[in-house]
C-alpha atoms as a PDB file:
ATOM      1  CA  ILE A   1     -20.600  29.334 -89.490  1.00  0.00           C
ATOM      2  CA  HIS A   2     -21.628  30.591 -86.058  1.00  0.00           C
ATOM      3  CA  THR A   3     -21.057  28.858 -82.713  1.00  0.00           C
ATOM      4  CA  GLU A   4     -23.802  29.236 -80.031  1.00  0.00           C
ATOM      5  CA  MET A   5     -22.999  28.093 -76.415  1.00  0.00           C
ATOM      6  CA  GLN A   6     -25.171  27.720 -73.395  1.00  0.00           C
ATOM      7  CA  MET A   7     -23.345  27.578 -70.025  1.00  0.00           C
ATOM      8  CA  ILE A   8     -24.884  26.532 -66.598  1.00  0.00           C
ATOM      9  CA  GLY A   9     -23.049  26.400 -63.386  1.00  0.00           C
ATOM     10  CA  CYS A  10     -24.183  26.047 -59.851  1.00  0.00           C
ATOM     11  CA  SER A  11     -23.262  25.449 -56.136  1.00  0.00           C
ATOM     12  CA  GLU A  12     -25.607  24.832 -53.346  1.00  0.00           C
ATOM     13  CA  THR A  13     -26.047  28.630 -52.918  1.00  0.00           C
ATOM     14  CA  GLU A  14     -25.317  30.329 -56.408  1.00  0.00           C
ATOM     15  CA  GLY A  15     -25.905  29.725 -59.996  1.00  0.00           C
ATOM     16  CA  ALA A  16     -24.959  31.073 -63.379  1.00  0.00           C
ATOM     17  CA  PHE A  17     -26.532  30.720 -66.839  1.00  0.00           C
ATOM     18  CA  ASP A  18     -25.541  32.459 -69.984  1.00  0.00           C
ATOM     19  CA  ILE A  19     -26.071  32.141 -73.736  1.00  0.00           C
ATOM     20  CA  SER A  20     -23.297  33.257 -76.217  1.00  0.00           C
ATOM     21  CA  LEU A  21     -22.926  33.568 -79.919  1.00  0.00           C
ATOM     22  CA  ASP A  22     -19.323  33.369 -81.374  1.00  0.00           C
ATOM     23  CA  GLU A  23     -17.923  33.874 -77.796  1.00  0.00           C
ATOM     24  CA  GLU A  24     -19.891  36.974 -77.123  1.00  0.00           C
ATOM     25  CA  ASP A  25     -22.530  36.798 -74.429  1.00  0.00           C
ATOM     26  CA  MET A  26     -26.128  37.534 -75.578  1.00  0.00           C
ATOM     27  CA  ILE A  27     -28.042  36.955 -72.312  1.00  0.00           C
ATOM     28  CA  VAL A  28     -27.092  36.299 -68.747  1.00  0.00           C
ATOM     29  CA  ALA A  29     -29.326  35.177 -65.973  1.00  0.00           C
ATOM     30  CA  ASP A  30     -29.629  37.342 -62.875  1.00  0.00           C
ATOM     31  CA  PHE A  31     -30.970  34.858 -60.295  1.00  0.00           C
ATOM     32  CA  ILE A  32     -31.130  37.456 -57.523  1.00  0.00           C
ATOM     33  CA  ALA A  33     -33.131  39.951 -59.691  1.00  0.00           C
ATOM     34  CA  GLU A  34     -35.151  36.912 -61.272  1.00  0.00           C
ATOM     35  CA  ARG A  35     -34.582  38.062 -64.730  1.00  0.00           C
ATOM     36  CA  VAL A  36     -32.389  37.762 -67.793  1.00  0.00           C
ATOM     37  CA  VAL A  37     -30.126  40.628 -68.815  1.00  0.00           C
ATOM     38  CA  ASP A  38     -29.823  41.302 -72.565  1.00  0.00           C
ATOM     39  CA  THR A  39     -26.009  41.887 -73.117  1.00  0.00           C
ATOM     40  CA  GLN A  40     -26.305  42.374 -76.801  1.00  0.00           C
ATOM     41  CA  PRO A  41     -24.736  45.739 -78.075  1.00  0.00           C
ATOM     42  CA  SER A  42     -27.170  48.428 -79.228  1.00  0.00           C
ATOM     43  CA  PHE A  43     -25.786  48.409 -82.742  1.00  0.00           C
ATOM     44  CA  VAL A  44     -26.785  44.864 -83.696  1.00  0.00           C
ATOM     45  CA  ASP A  45     -30.180  43.337 -84.416  1.00  0.00           C
ATOM     46  CA  HIS A  46     -31.167  41.591 -81.175  1.00  0.00           C
ATOM     47  CA  VAL A  47     -31.796  37.870 -80.938  1.00  0.00           C
ATOM     48  CA  SER A  48     -35.052  37.368 -78.932  1.00  0.00           C
ATOM     49  CA  PHE A  49     -35.316  34.669 -76.333  1.00  0.00           C
ATOM     50  CA  GLY A  50     -38.914  35.104 -75.403  1.00  0.00           C
ATOM     51  CA  LYS A  51     -40.740  35.831 -72.408  1.00  0.00           C
ATOM     52  CA  ASP A  52     -39.885  32.647 -70.570  1.00  0.00           C
ATOM     53  CA  ALA A  53     -36.093  32.968 -70.846  1.00  0.00           C
ATOM     54  CA  PHE A  54     -35.741  33.263 -66.964  1.00  0.00           C
ATOM     55  CA  GLN A  55     -37.936  30.268 -66.476  1.00  0.00           C
ATOM     56  CA  VAL A  56     -35.681  28.276 -68.745  1.00  0.00           C
ATOM     57  CA  ALA A  57     -32.603  29.376 -66.882  1.00  0.00           C
ATOM     58  CA  MET A  58     -34.333  28.667 -63.606  1.00  0.00           C
ATOM     59  CA  ARG A  59     -35.161  24.998 -64.743  1.00  0.00           C
ATOM     60  CA  ASN A  60     -31.636  24.563 -65.791  1.00  0.00           C
ATOM     61  CA  LEU A  61     -30.393  25.822 -62.399  1.00  0.00           C
ATOM     62  CA  ILE A  62     -32.736  23.339 -60.636  1.00  0.00           C
ATOM     63  CA  THR A  63     -31.440  20.369 -62.845  1.00  0.00           C
ATOM     64  CA  CYS A  64     -27.881  21.500 -62.000  1.00  0.00           C
ATOM     65  CA  ARG A  65     -28.438  21.482 -58.360  1.00  0.00           C
ATOM     66  CA  ARG A  66     -30.196  18.235 -58.483  1.00  0.00           C
ATOM     67  CA  ASN A  67     -27.166  16.760 -60.517  1.00  0.00           C
ATOM     68  CA  LEU A  68     -24.773  18.265 -58.052  1.00  0.00           C
ATOM     69  CA  ASN A  69     -26.645  16.656 -54.993  1.00  0.00           C
ATOM     70  CA  ILE A  70     -26.570  13.199 -56.803  1.00  0.00           C
ATOM     71  CA  THR A  71     -22.840  13.551 -57.552  1.00  0.00           C
ATOM     72  CA  GLN A  72     -22.020  14.650 -53.924  1.00  0.00           C
ATOM     73  CA  LYS A  73     -23.941  11.651 -52.604  1.00  0.00           C
ATOM     74  CA  ALA A  74     -22.223   9.258 -55.079  1.00  0.00           C
ATOM     75  CA  LEU A  75     -18.750  10.477 -54.262  1.00  0.00           C
ATOM     76  CA  LYS A  76     -19.296  11.020 -50.527  1.00  0.00           C
ATOM     77  CA  ASP A  77     -17.154   7.999 -49.428  1.00  0.00           C
ATOM     78  CA  GLN A  78     -14.722   7.851 -52.306  1.00  0.00           C
ATOM     79  CA  PRO A  79     -11.117   8.401 -51.339  1.00  0.00           C
ATOM     80  CA  LEU A  80      -9.364  11.431 -52.652  1.00  0.00           C
ATOM     81  CA  GLU A  81      -6.791   9.115 -54.485  1.00  0.00           C
ATOM     82  CA  SER A  82      -7.317   5.736 -55.844  1.00  0.00           C
END
């Protein structure tokens, strides 16, 4: 049994997106260069993510920032301790 994991993280200025299989990165999004980087070692058969992999990562980043904005607004006036 294999485990695939997708991770997306963001701040107002930065973002991260990667896909891993069995805790080994397969692709990582480079938002500055606007591409995904294949991090799979050369001695394995590579899993292909298609031409639109960066667009998928970008959509996830946009969603992350939208959710961050909503959360910041919702928690704006909340006290640090209840």
